[in-house]
PDB file of N, CA and C in Angstrom:
ATOM      1  N   MET A   1     -24.335 -10.906   3.445  1.00  0.00           N
ATOM      2  CA  MET A   1     -23.279 -11.913   3.965  1.00  0.00           C
ATOM      3  C   MET A   1     -24.076 -11.985   5.718  1.00  0.00           C
ATOM      4  N   ASN A   2     -24.269 -12.808   6.197  1.00  0.00           N
ATOM      5  CA  ASN A   2     -24.506 -12.645   7.570  1.00  0.00           C
ATOM      6  C   ASN A   2     -23.262 -13.341   8.545  1.00  0.00           C
ATOM      7  N   VAL A   3     -22.842 -12.208   9.504  1.00  0.00           N
ATOM      8  CA  VAL A   3     -21.744 -12.378  10.057  1.00  0.00           C
ATOM      9  C   VAL A   3     -22.160 -12.383  11.880  1.00  0.00           C
ATOM     10  N   LYS A   4     -21.887 -13.421  12.308  1.00  0.00           N
ATOM     11  CA  LYS A   4     -21.943 -13.532  13.690  1.00  0.00           C
ATOM     12  C   LYS A   4     -20.806 -12.956  14.718  1.00  0.00           C
ATOM     13  N   GLU A   5     -21.179 -12.266  15.787  1.00  0.00           N
ATOM     14  CA  GLU A   5     -20.139 -11.789  16.645  1.00  0.00           C
ATOM     15  C   GLU A   5     -19.043 -12.688  16.850  1.00  0.00           C
ATOM     16  N   GLY A   6     -17.666 -12.203  16.749  1.00  0.00           N
ATOM     17  CA  GLY A   6     -16.833 -12.875  16.914  1.00  0.00           C
ATOM     18  C   GLY A   6     -16.332 -14.007  15.827  1.00  0.00           C
ATOM     19  N   LYS A   7     -16.885 -13.722  14.504  1.00  0.00           N
ATOM     20  CA  LYS A   7     -16.543 -14.700  13.578  1.00  0.00           C
ATOM     21  C   LYS A   7     -15.644 -13.596  12.610  1.00  0.00           C
ATOM     22  N   THR A   8     -14.867 -14.396  11.673  1.00  0.00           N
ATOM     23  CA  THR A   8     -14.057 -13.789  10.887  1.00  0.00           C
ATOM     24  C   THR A   8     -14.529 -13.734   9.301  1.00  0.00           C
ATOM     25  N   VAL A   9     -14.552 -12.865   8.570  1.00  0.00           N
ATOM     26  CA  VAL A   9     -14.941 -12.995   6.931  1.00  0.00           C
ATOM     27  C   VAL A   9     -13.788 -12.690   6.216  1.00  0.00           C
ATOM     28  N   ASN A  10     -13.085 -13.709   5.366  1.00  0.00           N
ATOM     29  CA  ASN A  10     -12.168 -13.509   4.130  1.00  0.00           C
ATOM     30  C   ASN A  10     -12.731 -12.908   3.046  1.00  0.00           C
ATOM     31  N   CYS A  11     -12.343 -12.116   2.206  1.00  0.00           N
ATOM     32  CA  CYS A  11     -12.680 -11.722   1.042  1.00  0.00           C
ATOM     33  C   CYS A  11     -11.626 -11.706   0.037  1.00  0.00           C
ATOM     34  N   ASN A  12     -11.828 -12.254  -0.939  1.00  0.00           N
ATOM     35  CA  ASN A  12     -10.400 -12.242  -1.952  1.00  0.00           C
ATOM     36  C   ASN A  12     -10.881 -11.544  -3.202  1.00  0.00           C
ATOM     37  N   LYS A  13     -10.028 -10.533  -3.446  1.00  0.00           N
ATOM     38  CA  LYS A  13     -10.187  -9.796  -5.096  1.00  0.00           C
ATOM     39  C   LYS A  13      -9.039 -10.041  -6.059  1.00  0.00           C
ATOM     40  N   LYS A  14      -9.075 -10.158  -7.065  1.00  0.00           N
ATOM     41  CA  LYS A  14      -8.368 -10.219  -8.178  1.00  0.00           C
ATOM     42  C   LYS A  14      -7.824  -8.761  -8.363  1.00  0.00           C
ATOM     43  N   ILE A  15      -6.335  -8.669  -8.150  1.00  0.00           N
ATOM     44  CA  ILE A  15      -6.056  -7.368  -8.637  1.00  0.00           C
ATOM     45  C   ILE A  15      -5.963  -7.549 -10.233  1.00  0.00           C
ATOM     46  N   SER A  16      -6.488  -6.346 -11.081  1.00  0.00           N
ATOM     47  CA  SER A  16      -6.320  -6.208 -12.248  1.00  0.00           C
ATOM     48  C   SER A  16      -5.306  -5.728 -12.774  1.00  0.00           C
ATOM     49  N   GLY A  17      -4.315  -4.679 -12.000  1.00  0.00           N
ATOM     50  CA  GLY A  17      -3.244  -4.096 -12.827  1.00  0.00           C
ATOM     51  C   GLY A  17      -2.606  -3.059 -11.509  1.00  0.00           C
ATOM     52  N   THR A  18      -1.397  -2.654 -11.848  1.00  0.00           N
ATOM     53  CA  THR A  18      -0.638  -1.797 -11.120  1.00  0.00           C
ATOM     54  C   THR A  18      -1.756  -0.545 -10.440  1.00  0.00           C
ATOM     55  N   GLY A  19      -1.808  -0.484  -9.092  1.00  0.00           N
ATOM     56  CA  GLY A  19      -2.580   0.772  -8.476  1.00  0.00           C
ATOM     57  C   GLY A  19      -2.441   0.697  -7.211  1.00  0.00           C
ATOM     58  N   TYR A  20      -3.175   1.733  -6.609  1.00  0.00           N
ATOM     59  CA  TYR A  20      -3.360   1.953  -5.378  1.00  0.00           C
ATOM     60  C   TYR A  20      -4.714   1.365  -4.830  1.00  0.00           C
ATOM     61  N   TYR A  21      -4.922   0.410  -3.955  1.00  0.00           N
ATOM     62  CA  TYR A  21      -6.007  -0.411  -3.582  1.00  0.00           C
ATOM     63  C   TYR A  21      -6.252  -0.582  -2.046  1.00  0.00           C
ATOM     64  N   PHE A  22      -7.508  -0.181  -1.603  1.00  0.00           N
ATOM     65  CA  PHE A  22      -7.766  -0.309  -0.063  1.00  0.00           C
ATOM     66  C   PHE A  22      -9.055  -1.160   0.080  1.00  0.00           C
ATOM     67  N   GLY A  23      -9.116  -1.595   1.211  1.00  0.00           N
ATOM     68  CA  GLY A  23     -10.114  -2.394   1.667  1.00  0.00           C
ATOM     69  C   GLY A  23     -11.423  -1.309   2.494  1.00  0.00           C
ATOM     70  N   GLU A  24     -12.669  -1.815   2.045  1.00  0.00           N
ATOM     71  CA  GLU A  24     -13.766  -1.176   2.934  1.00  0.00           C
ATOM     72  C   GLU A  24     -14.597  -1.894   3.575  1.00  0.00           C
ATOM     73  N   VAL A  25     -14.991  -1.835   4.718  1.00  0.00           N
ATOM     74  CA  VAL A  25     -15.925  -2.611   5.365  1.00  0.00           C
ATOM     75  C   VAL A  25     -16.981  -1.608   5.932  1.00  0.00           C
ATOM     76  N   LYS A  26     -18.387  -2.222   5.790  1.00  0.00           N
ATOM     77  CA  LYS A  26     -19.355  -1.478   6.199  1.00  0.00           C
ATOM     78  C   LYS A  26     -20.256  -2.497   6.994  1.00  0.00           C
ATOM     79  N   ILE A  27     -20.836  -1.930   7.971  1.00  0.00           N
ATOM     80  CA  ILE A  27     -21.243  -3.070   8.975  1.00  0.00           C
ATOM     81  C   ILE A  27     -22.886  -2.280   9.453  1.00  0.00           C
ATOM     82  N   ASN A  28     -23.645  -3.290   9.536  1.00  0.00           N
ATOM     83  CA  ASN A  28     -25.087  -2.806  10.148  1.00  0.00           C
ATOM     84  C   ASN A  28     -25.260  -3.480  11.455  1.00  0.00           C
ATOM     85  N   ILE A  29     -25.092  -2.890  12.556  1.00  0.00           N
ATOM     86  CA  ILE A  29     -25.301  -3.496  13.871  1.00  0.00           C
ATOM     87  C   ILE A  29     -26.764  -3.703  14.431  1.00  0.00           C
ATOM     88  N   LYS A  30     -27.034  -4.957  14.603  1.00  0.00           N
ATOM     89  CA  LYS A  30     -28.441  -5.442  14.964  1.00  0.00           C
ATOM     90  C   LYS A  30     -28.458  -5.970  16.552  1.00  0.00           C
ATOM     91  N   ASN A  31     -29.527  -5.870  17.020  1.00  0.00           N
ATOM     92  CA  ASN A  31     -29.672  -6.406  18.379  1.00  0.00           C
ATOM     93  C   ASN A  31     -30.211  -8.135  18.063  1.00  0.00           C
ATOM     94  N   ALA A  32     -30.510  -8.524  19.303  1.00  0.00           N
ATOM     95  CA  ALA A  32     -30.757  -9.959  19.294  1.00  0.00           C
ATOM     96  C   ALA A  32     -32.176 -10.152  18.915  1.00  0.00           C
ATOM     97  N   LEU A  33     -33.018  -8.920  18.438  1.00  0.00           N
ATOM     98  CA  LEU A  33     -34.247  -9.549  17.846  1.00  0.00           C
ATOM     99  C   LEU A  33     -34.177  -8.758  16.495  1.00  0.00           C
ATOM    100  N   GLY A  34     -32.895  -8.624  15.926  1.00  0.00           N
ATOM    101  CA  GLY A  34     -32.626  -8.290  14.589  1.00  0.00           C
ATOM    102  C   GLY A  34     -33.069  -7.057  14.143  1.00  0.00           C
ATOM    103  N   VAL A  35     -33.112  -5.877  15.153  1.00  0.00           N
ATOM    104  CA  VAL A  35     -33.589  -4.744  15.145  1.00  0.00           C
ATOM    105  C   VAL A  35     -32.375  -4.051  14.768  1.00  0.00           C
ATOM    106  N   SER A  36     -32.192  -2.950  13.929  1.00  0.00           N
ATOM    107  CA  SER A  36     -30.664  -2.257  13.298  1.00  0.00           C
ATOM    108  C   SER A  36     -30.605  -1.410  14.306  1.00  0.00           C
ATOM    109  N   MET A  37     -29.311  -1.335  14.980  1.00  0.00           N
ATOM    110  CA  MET A  37     -29.049  -0.399  15.986  1.00  0.00           C
ATOM    111  C   MET A  37     -28.158   0.541  15.572  1.00  0.00           C
ATOM    112  N   GLY A  38     -27.891   0.709  14.255  1.00  0.00           N
ATOM    113  CA  GLY A  38     -26.936   1.772  13.725  1.00  0.00           C
ATOM    114  C   GLY A  38     -25.996   1.017  12.589  1.00  0.00           C
ATOM    115  N   THR A  39     -25.394   1.967  11.734  1.00  0.00           N
ATOM    116  CA  THR A  39     -24.366   1.178  10.721  1.00  0.00           C
ATOM    117  C   THR A  39     -22.948   1.958  11.425  1.00  0.00           C
ATOM    118  N   ASP A  40     -22.171   1.660  10.486  1.00  0.00           N
ATOM    119  CA  ASP A  40     -20.525   2.138  10.471  1.00  0.00           C
ATOM    120  C   ASP A  40     -19.685   1.652   9.356  1.00  0.00           C
ATOM    121  N   SER A  41     -18.835   2.300   9.070  1.00  0.00           N
ATOM    122  CA  SER A  41     -17.976   1.943   7.977  1.00  0.00           C
ATOM    123  C   SER A  41     -16.909   2.300   8.411  1.00  0.00           C
ATOM    124  N   SER A  42     -15.579   1.778   7.712  1.00  0.00           N
ATOM    125  CA  SER A  42     -14.367   1.778   7.734  1.00  0.00           C
ATOM    126  C   SER A  42     -13.388   1.595   6.760  1.00  0.00           C
ATOM    127  N   GLN A  43     -12.127   2.093   6.092  1.00  0.00           N
ATOM    128  CA  GLN A  43     -11.272   1.649   5.274  1.00  0.00           C
ATOM    129  C   GLN A  43     -10.094   1.802   5.635  1.00  0.00           C
ATOM    130  N   THR A  44      -9.344   0.703   4.951  1.00  0.00           N
ATOM    131  CA  THR A  44      -7.795   0.774   5.316  1.00  0.00           C
ATOM    132  C   THR A  44      -7.046   1.732   4.542  1.00  0.00           C
ATOM    133  N   ARG A  45      -5.828   1.705   4.913  1.00  0.00           N
ATOM    134  CA  ARG A  45      -4.795   2.683   4.230  1.00  0.00           C
ATOM    135  C   ARG A  45      -4.754   2.247   2.577  1.00  0.00           C
ATOM    136  N   GLN A  46      -4.396   3.148   1.754  1.00  0.00           N
ATOM    137  CA  GLN A  46      -4.203   2.430   0.333  1.00  0.00           C
ATOM    138  C   GLN A  46      -2.779   1.597   0.507  1.00  0.00           C
ATOM    139  N   ILE A  47      -2.944   0.764  -0.319  1.00  0.00           N
ATOM    140  CA  ILE A  47      -1.661   0.377  -0.487  1.00  0.00           C
ATOM    141  C   ILE A  47      -1.422   0.011  -2.508  1.00  0.00           C
ATOM    142  N   LEU A  48      -0.070   0.296  -2.458  1.00  0.00           N
ATOM    143  CA  LEU A  48       0.232   0.310  -3.863  1.00  0.00           C
ATOM    144  C   LEU A  48       0.836  -1.163  -4.230  1.00  0.00           C
ATOM    145  N   THR A  49       0.229  -2.004  -5.094  1.00  0.00           N
ATOM    146  CA  THR A  49       0.595  -3.274  -5.542  1.00  0.00           C
ATOM    147  C   THR A  49       0.590  -3.210  -7.373  1.00  0.00           C
ATOM    148  N   ASN A  50       1.460  -4.390  -7.388  1.00  0.00           N
ATOM    149  CA  ASN A  50       1.458  -4.243  -9.053  1.00  0.00           C
ATOM    150  C   ASN A  50       0.563  -5.170  -9.523  1.00  0.00           C
ATOM    151  N   LYS A  51       0.717  -5.717 -10.924  1.00  0.00           N
ATOM    152  CA  LYS A  51      -0.606  -6.464 -11.490  1.00  0.00           C
ATOM    153  C   LYS A  51      -0.590  -7.699 -10.806  1.00  0.00           C
ATOM    154  N   HIS A  52       0.660  -8.208 -10.207  1.00  0.00           N
ATOM    155  CA  HIS A  52       0.648  -9.843  -9.361  1.00  0.00           C
ATOM    156  C   HIS A  52       0.358  -9.320  -8.024  1.00  0.00           C
ATOM    157  N   ALA A  53      -0.177  -8.357  -7.683  1.00  0.00           N
ATOM    158  CA  ALA A  53      -0.450  -7.913  -6.051  1.00  0.00           C
ATOM    159  C   ALA A  53       0.624  -8.147  -5.260  1.00  0.00           C
ATOM    160  N   THR A  54       1.885  -7.813  -5.611  1.00  0.00           N
ATOM    161  CA  THR A  54       3.015  -7.617  -4.969  1.00  0.00           C
ATOM    162  C   THR A  54       2.751  -6.490  -4.135  1.00  0.00           C
ATOM    163  N   VAL A  55       2.922  -6.074  -2.911  1.00  0.00           N
ATOM    164  CA  VAL A  55       2.906  -4.867  -2.402  1.00  0.00           C
ATOM    165  C   VAL A  55       4.098  -4.169  -2.487  1.00  0.00           C
ATOM    166  N   TYR A  56       4.355  -2.732  -2.650  1.00  0.00           N
ATOM    167  CA  TYR A  56       5.385  -1.937  -3.031  1.00  0.00           C
ATOM    168  C   TYR A  56       6.147  -1.991  -1.841  1.00  0.00           C
ATOM    169  N   PRO A  57       7.543  -2.325  -1.660  1.00  0.00           N
ATOM    170  CA  PRO A  57       8.397  -2.554  -0.800  1.00  0.00           C
ATOM    171  C   PRO A  57       8.166  -1.328   0.405  1.00  0.00           C
ATOM    172  N   TYR A  58       8.570  -1.616   1.642  1.00  0.00           N
ATOM    173  CA  TYR A  58       8.432  -0.723   2.462  1.00  0.00           C
ATOM    174  C   TYR A  58       9.875  -0.710   3.302  1.00  0.00           C
ATOM    175  N   HIS A  59      10.718   0.238   2.958  1.00  0.00           N
ATOM    176  CA  HIS A  59      12.163   0.304   3.374  1.00  0.00           C
ATOM    177  C   HIS A  59      12.620   1.465   4.190  1.00  0.00           C
ATOM    178  N   TYR A  60      12.961   1.287   5.727  1.00  0.00           N
ATOM    179  CA  TYR A  60      13.074   2.218   6.636  1.00  0.00           C
ATOM    180  C   TYR A  60      14.852   2.049   6.614  1.00  0.00           C
ATOM    181  N   ASP A  61      15.381   3.274   6.579  1.00  0.00           N
ATOM    182  CA  ASP A  61      17.017   3.067   6.613  1.00  0.00           C
ATOM    183  C   ASP A  61      17.218   3.762   8.014  1.00  0.00           C
ATOM    184  N   PRO A  62      17.761   2.933   9.034  1.00  0.00           N
ATOM    185  CA  PRO A  62      17.886   3.551  10.405  1.00  0.00           C
ATOM    186  C   PRO A  62      19.255   4.324  10.532  1.00  0.00           C
ATOM    187  N   TYR A  63      19.818   4.674   9.560  1.00  0.00           N
ATOM    188  CA  TYR A  63      20.900   5.562   9.584  1.00  0.00           C
ATOM    189  C   TYR A  63      20.514   6.835   9.151  1.00  0.00           C
ATOM    190  N   SER A  64      19.942   6.746   8.277  1.00  0.00           N
ATOM    191  CA  SER A  64      19.445   8.380   7.774  1.00  0.00           C
ATOM    192  C   SER A  64      18.098   8.558   8.639  1.00  0.00           C
ATOM    193  N   ASN A  65      17.513   7.796   9.051  1.00  0.00           N
ATOM    194  CA  ASN A  65      16.327   7.785   9.829  1.00  0.00           C
ATOM    195  C   ASN A  65      15.096   8.268   8.641  1.00  0.00           C
ATOM    196  N   LYS A  66      15.117   7.643   7.567  1.00  0.00           N
ATOM    197  CA  LYS A  66      13.881   7.960   6.497  1.00  0.00           C
ATOM    198  C   LYS A  66      13.686   6.740   5.998  1.00  0.00           C
ATOM    199  N   VAL A  67      12.359   6.976   5.631  1.00  0.00           N
ATOM    200  CA  VAL A  67      11.708   5.912   4.876  1.00  0.00           C
ATOM    201  C   VAL A  67      11.282   5.969   3.054  1.00  0.00           C
ATOM    202  N   MET A  68      11.737   5.144   2.754  1.00  0.00           N
ATOM    203  CA  MET A  68      11.597   5.130   1.048  1.00  0.00           C
ATOM    204  C   MET A  68      10.392   5.579   0.508  1.00  0.00           C
ATOM    205  N   ALA A  69      10.159   6.551   0.125  1.00  0.00           N
ATOM    206  CA  ALA A  69       8.930   7.206  -0.488  1.00  0.00           C
ATOM    207  C   ALA A  69       8.209   6.246  -1.535  1.00  0.00           C
ATOM    208  N   GLU A  70       7.104   6.257  -1.732  1.00  0.00           N
ATOM    209  CA  GLU A  70       6.180   5.282  -2.492  1.00  0.00           C
ATOM    210  C   GLU A  70       5.906   6.276  -3.732  1.00  0.00           C
ATOM    211  N   PRO A  71       5.952   6.039  -5.055  1.00  0.00           N
ATOM    212  CA  PRO A  71       5.717   6.999  -6.214  1.00  0.00           C
ATOM    213  C   PRO A  71       4.160   7.710  -5.721  1.00  0.00           C
ATOM    214  N   ALA A  72       4.445   8.960  -6.477  1.00  0.00           N
ATOM    215  CA  ALA A  72       3.082   9.560  -6.379  1.00  0.00           C
ATOM    216  C   ALA A  72       2.039   9.008  -7.313  1.00  0.00           C
ATOM    217  N   ARG A  73       2.269   8.441  -8.458  1.00  0.00           N
ATOM    218  CA  ARG A  73       1.439   7.787  -9.257  1.00  0.00           C
ATOM    219  C   ARG A  73       2.034   6.348  -9.475  1.00  0.00           C
ATOM    220  N   PRO A  74       0.761   5.296  -9.597  1.00  0.00           N
ATOM    221  CA  PRO A  74       1.317   4.194 -10.293  1.00  0.00           C
ATOM    222  C   PRO A  74       1.589   3.823 -11.462  1.00  0.00           C
ATOM    223  N   ASP A  75       1.765   4.476 -12.402  1.00  0.00           N
ATOM    224  CA  ASP A  75       2.073   4.552 -13.846  1.00  0.00           C
ATOM    225  C   ASP A  75       3.246   4.916 -14.216  1.00  0.00           C
ATOM    226  N   TRP A  76       4.482   4.783 -13.359  1.00  0.00           N
ATOM    227  CA  TRP A  76       5.606   5.261 -13.799  1.00  0.00           C
ATOM    228  C   TRP A  76       6.138   4.299 -14.611  1.00  0.00           C
ATOM    229  N   ALA A  77       6.631   4.490 -15.599  1.00  0.00           N
ATOM    230  CA  ALA A  77       7.646   3.350 -16.572  1.00  0.00           C
ATOM    231  C   ALA A  77       8.757   3.067 -16.079  1.00  0.00           C
ATOM    232  N   ARG A  78       8.729   1.597 -16.122  1.00  0.00           N
ATOM    233  CA  ARG A  78      10.256   0.984 -15.391  1.00  0.00           C
ATOM    234  C   ARG A  78      11.373   1.497 -16.728  1.00  0.00           C
ATOM    235  N   THR A  79      12.461   1.851 -15.821  1.00  0.00           N
ATOM    236  CA  THR A  79      13.773   2.344 -16.330  1.00  0.00           C
ATOM    237  C   THR A  79      14.818   1.147 -16.555  1.00  0.00           C
ATOM    238  N   THR A  80      15.808   1.490 -17.454  1.00  0.00           N
ATOM    239  CA  THR A  80      16.935   0.716 -17.790  1.00  0.00           C
ATOM    240  C   THR A  80      17.948   0.527 -16.475  1.00  0.00           C
ATOM    241  N   SER A  81      18.339  -0.576 -16.242  1.00  0.00           N
ATOM    242  CA  SER A  81      19.529  -0.713 -14.941  1.00  0.00           C
ATOM    243  C   SER A  81      20.426   0.277 -15.476  1.00  0.00           C
ATOM    244  N   VAL A  82      21.072   0.734 -14.413  1.00  0.00           N
ATOM    245  CA  VAL A  82      22.433   1.542 -14.722  1.00  0.00           C
ATOM    246  C   VAL A  82      23.767   0.667 -14.207  1.00  0.00           C
ATOM    247  N   LYS A  83      24.872   0.578 -15.342  1.00  0.00           N
ATOM    248  CA  LYS A  83      25.761  -0.104 -14.789  1.00  0.00           C
ATOM    249  C   LYS A  83      26.583   0.345 -13.862  1.00  0.00           C
ATOM    250  N   TRP A  84      27.177  -0.241 -12.680  1.00  0.00           N
ATOM    251  CA  TRP A  84      27.906   0.176 -11.776  1.00  0.00           C
ATOM    252  C   TRP A  84      29.273  -0.521 -11.765  1.00  0.00           C
ATOM    253  N   ASP A  85      30.450   0.134 -11.623  1.00  0.00           N
ATOM    254  CA  ASP A  85      31.682  -0.708 -11.648  1.00  0.00           C
ATOM    255  C   ASP A  85      32.172  -0.515  -9.815  1.00  0.00           C
ATOM    256  N   SER A  86      33.089  -0.741  -9.772  1.00  0.00           N
ATOM    257  CA  SER A  86      33.484  -0.815  -8.290  1.00  0.00           C
ATOM    258  C   SER A  86      33.784   0.539  -7.902  1.00  0.00           C
ATOM    259  N   ASN A  87      34.449   1.697  -8.734  1.00  0.00           N
ATOM    260  CA  ASN A  87      34.648   2.752  -8.012  1.00  0.00           C
ATOM    261  C   ASN A  87      33.427   3.618  -8.063  1.00  0.00           C
ATOM    262  N   ASP A  88      32.440   3.070  -8.893  1.00  0.00           N
ATOM    263  CA  ASP A  88      31.027   3.753  -8.562  1.00  0.00           C
ATOM    264  C   ASP A  88      30.321   3.298  -7.313  1.00  0.00           C
ATOM    265  N   ARG A  89      30.559   2.204  -6.927  1.00  0.00           N
ATOM    266  CA  ARG A  89      29.957   1.650  -5.664  1.00  0.00           C
ATOM    267  C   ARG A  89      30.975   2.422  -4.584  1.00  0.00           C
ATOM    268  N   TYR A  90      32.111   2.646  -4.920  1.00  0.00           N
ATOM    269  CA  TYR A  90      33.211   2.965  -3.786  1.00  0.00           C
ATOM    270  C   TYR A  90      32.435   4.574  -3.376  1.00  0.00           C
ATOM    271  N   GLU A  91      32.258   5.241  -4.560  1.00  0.00           N
ATOM    272  CA  GLU A  91      31.929   6.648  -4.449  1.00  0.00           C
ATOM    273  C   GLU A  91      30.584   6.923  -3.959  1.00  0.00           C
ATOM    274  N   TYR A  92      29.721   5.872  -3.972  1.00  0.00           N
ATOM    275  CA  TYR A  92      28.379   6.004  -3.395  1.00  0.00           C
ATOM    276  C   TYR A  92      28.429   5.508  -2.003  1.00  0.00           C
ATOM    277  N   ILE A  93      29.280   4.636  -1.713  1.00  0.00           N
ATOM    278  CA  ILE A  93      29.624   4.564   0.000  1.00  0.00           C
ATOM    279  C   ILE A  93      30.215   5.556   0.595  1.00  0.00           C
ATOM    280  N   LYS A  94      31.212   6.159  -0.131  1.00  0.00           N
ATOM    281  CA  LYS A  94      31.810   7.462   0.418  1.00  0.00           C
ATOM    282  C   LYS A  94      30.827   8.747   0.898  1.00  0.00           C
ATOM    283  N   LYS A  95      30.061   9.004  -0.192  1.00  0.00           N
ATOM    284  CA  LYS A  95      29.161   9.844  -0.084  1.00  0.00           C
ATOM    285  C   LYS A  95      28.242   9.805   1.003  1.00  0.00           C
ATOM    286  N   TYR A  96      27.684   8.575   0.781  1.00  0.00           N
ATOM    287  CA  TYR A  96      26.434   8.085   1.996  1.00  0.00           C
ATOM    288  C   TYR A  96      26.982   8.158   3.328  1.00  0.00           C
ATOM    289  N   SER A  97      28.215   7.873   3.530  1.00  0.00           N
ATOM    290  CA  SER A  97      28.809   7.415   4.768  1.00  0.00           C
ATOM    291  C   SER A  97      29.357   9.347   5.400  1.00  0.00           C
ATOM    292  N   GLU A  98      29.739  10.050   4.295  1.00  0.00           N
ATOM    293  CA  GLU A  98      29.992  11.517   4.612  1.00  0.00           C
ATOM    294  C   GLU A  98      28.292  11.911   5.413  1.00  0.00           C
ATOM    295  N   LEU A  99      27.305  11.730   4.525  1.00  0.00           N
ATOM    296  CA  LEU A  99      25.913  12.219   4.937  1.00  0.00           C
ATOM    297  C   LEU A  99      25.467  11.828   6.206  1.00  0.00           C
ATOM    298  N   TYR A 100      25.790  10.245   6.289  1.00  0.00           N
ATOM    299  CA  TYR A 100      25.342   9.777   7.589  1.00  0.00           C
ATOM    300  C   TYR A 100      26.363   9.059   8.058  1.00  0.00           C
ATOM    301  N   PRO A 101      27.268   9.392   8.802  1.00  0.00           N
ATOM    302  CA  PRO A 101      28.388   9.134   9.579  1.00  0.00           C
ATOM    303  C   PRO A 101      28.278   8.024  10.698  1.00  0.00           C
ATOM    304  N   ASN A 102      27.212   7.955  10.863  1.00  0.00           N
ATOM    305  CA  ASN A 102      26.907   6.658  12.169  1.00  0.00           C
ATOM    306  C   ASN A 102      26.385   5.762  11.609  1.00  0.00           C
ATOM    307  N   ASN A 103      26.370   5.233  10.236  1.00  0.00           N
ATOM    308  CA  ASN A 103      25.947   3.995   9.536  1.00  0.00           C
ATOM    309  C   ASN A 103      26.652   2.847   9.751  1.00  0.00           C
ATOM    310  N   GLY A 104      27.598   2.576  10.694  1.00  0.00           N
ATOM    311  CA  GLY A 104      28.379   1.242  10.810  1.00  0.00           C
ATOM    312  C   GLY A 104      29.214   0.859   9.754  1.00  0.00           C
TER     313      GLY A 104
END
Protein backbone atom coordinates (compact mmCIF):
# COMPACT_ATOMS: atom_id res chain seq x y z
CA MET A 1 0.00 0.00 0.00
CA ASN A 2 1.44 3.38 -0.99
CA VAL A 3 0.39 6.08 1.49
CA LYS A 4 1.38 9.71 1.00
CA GLU A 5 2.02 12.28 3.73
CA GLY A 6 -1.16 13.67 5.26
CA LYS A 7 -3.36 10.86 3.90
CA THR A 8 -5.51 8.48 5.95
CA VAL A 9 -5.73 4.74 5.51
CA ASN A 10 -8.66 2.67 6.79
CA CYS A 11 -8.46 -1.09 7.17
CA ASN A 12 -11.35 -3.35 8.15
CA LYS A 13 -10.92 -6.75 9.75
CA LYS A 14 -13.70 -9.21 10.45
CA ILE A 15 -13.91 -10.21 14.11
CA SER A 16 -14.22 -13.99 14.29
CA GLY A 17 -14.95 -14.43 17.99
CA THR A 18 -14.79 -12.94 21.45
CA GLY A 19 -11.24 -11.96 22.33
CA TYR A 20 -8.65 -9.27 22.81
CA TYR A 21 -7.71 -7.44 19.61
CA PHE A 22 -5.20 -4.71 18.80
CA GLY A 23 -4.08 -2.75 15.78
CA GLU A 24 -0.51 -2.63 14.56
CA VAL A 25 1.08 -0.14 12.18
CA LYS A 26 4.42 -0.65 10.47
CA ILE A 27 5.87 2.17 8.41
CA ASN A 28 8.85 2.56 6.12
CA ILE A 29 9.85 6.22 5.80
CA LYS A 30 11.27 7.26 2.41
CA ASN A 31 12.60 10.56 1.13
CA ALA A 32 11.46 12.27 -2.09
CA LEU A 33 13.84 10.09 -4.12
CA GLY A 34 12.31 6.91 -2.70
CA VAL A 35 15.32 6.05 -0.53
CA SER A 36 14.38 4.40 2.74
CA MET A 37 15.16 6.61 5.75
CA GLY A 38 14.10 4.10 8.38
CA THR A 39 11.21 2.08 9.73
CA ASP A 40 8.95 2.28 12.76
CA SER A 41 6.01 0.40 14.21
CA SER A 42 3.36 0.95 16.86
CA GLN A 43 0.45 -0.94 18.45
CA THR A 44 -2.84 0.19 19.92
CA ARG A 45 -3.91 -1.01 23.35
CA GLN A 46 -5.69 -4.35 23.46
CA ILE A 47 -9.46 -4.06 23.16
CA LEU A 48 -11.85 -6.76 24.39
CA THR A 49 -14.72 -7.35 21.95
CA ASN A 50 -17.38 -10.00 21.49
CA LYS A 51 -18.01 -11.90 18.24
CA HIS A 52 -20.16 -8.99 16.98
CA ALA A 53 -17.23 -6.54 17.50
CA THR A 54 -19.02 -4.84 20.41
CA VAL A 55 -16.35 -3.37 22.68
CA TYR A 56 -16.47 -4.37 26.36
CA PRO A 57 -18.05 -1.43 28.21
CA TYR A 58 -15.92 1.08 30.08
CA HIS A 59 -17.61 2.20 33.28
CA TYR A 60 -16.23 4.73 35.74
CA ASP A 61 -18.08 5.25 39.02
CA PRO A 62 -17.39 8.83 40.17
CA TYR A 63 -18.55 8.13 43.74
CA SER A 64 -16.29 5.17 44.45
CA ASN A 65 -13.65 6.57 42.07
CA LYS A 66 -13.25 3.11 40.54
CA VAL A 67 -13.29 1.71 37.02
CA MET A 68 -15.04 -1.59 36.32
CA ALA A 69 -12.34 -4.14 35.56
CA GLU A 70 -12.25 -6.12 32.34
CA PRO A 71 -12.24 -9.91 32.64
CA ALA A 72 -8.77 -11.46 32.77
CA ARG A 73 -9.79 -13.92 30.03
CA PRO A 74 -12.27 -13.53 27.16
CA ASP A 75 -13.77 -17.03 27.51
CA TRP A 76 -15.89 -16.67 30.63
CA ALA A 77 -19.24 -18.39 30.40
CA ARG A 78 -22.47 -16.42 30.52
CA THR A 79 -24.25 -16.70 33.84
CA THR A 80 -27.95 -16.71 34.55
CA SER A 81 -29.67 -13.59 35.83
CA VAL A 82 -30.26 -13.17 39.52
CA LYS A 83 -33.81 -12.28 40.58
CA TRP A 84 -33.97 -9.14 42.71
CA ASP A 85 -36.98 -7.96 44.61
CA SER A 86 -37.47 -4.44 46.01
CA ASN A 87 -35.89 -5.43 49.35
CA ASP A 88 -32.75 -6.74 47.60
CA ARG A 89 -32.46 -3.44 45.75
CA TYR A 90 -32.97 -1.48 48.98
CA GLU A 91 -30.25 -3.49 50.77
CA TYR A 92 -27.82 -3.01 47.88
CA ILE A 93 -28.36 0.77 47.81
CA LYS A 94 -28.06 0.94 51.60
CA LYS A 95 -24.74 -0.95 51.61
CA TYR A 96 -23.38 1.09 48.68
CA SER A 97 -24.34 4.33 50.43
CA GLU A 98 -22.55 3.19 53.58
CA LEU A 99 -19.39 2.44 51.61
CA TYR A 100 -19.59 5.62 49.49
CA PRO A 101 -21.53 8.24 51.51
CA ASN A 102 -21.08 11.09 48.98
CA ASN A 103 -22.88 9.28 46.16
CA GLY A 104 -25.74 11.76 45.88
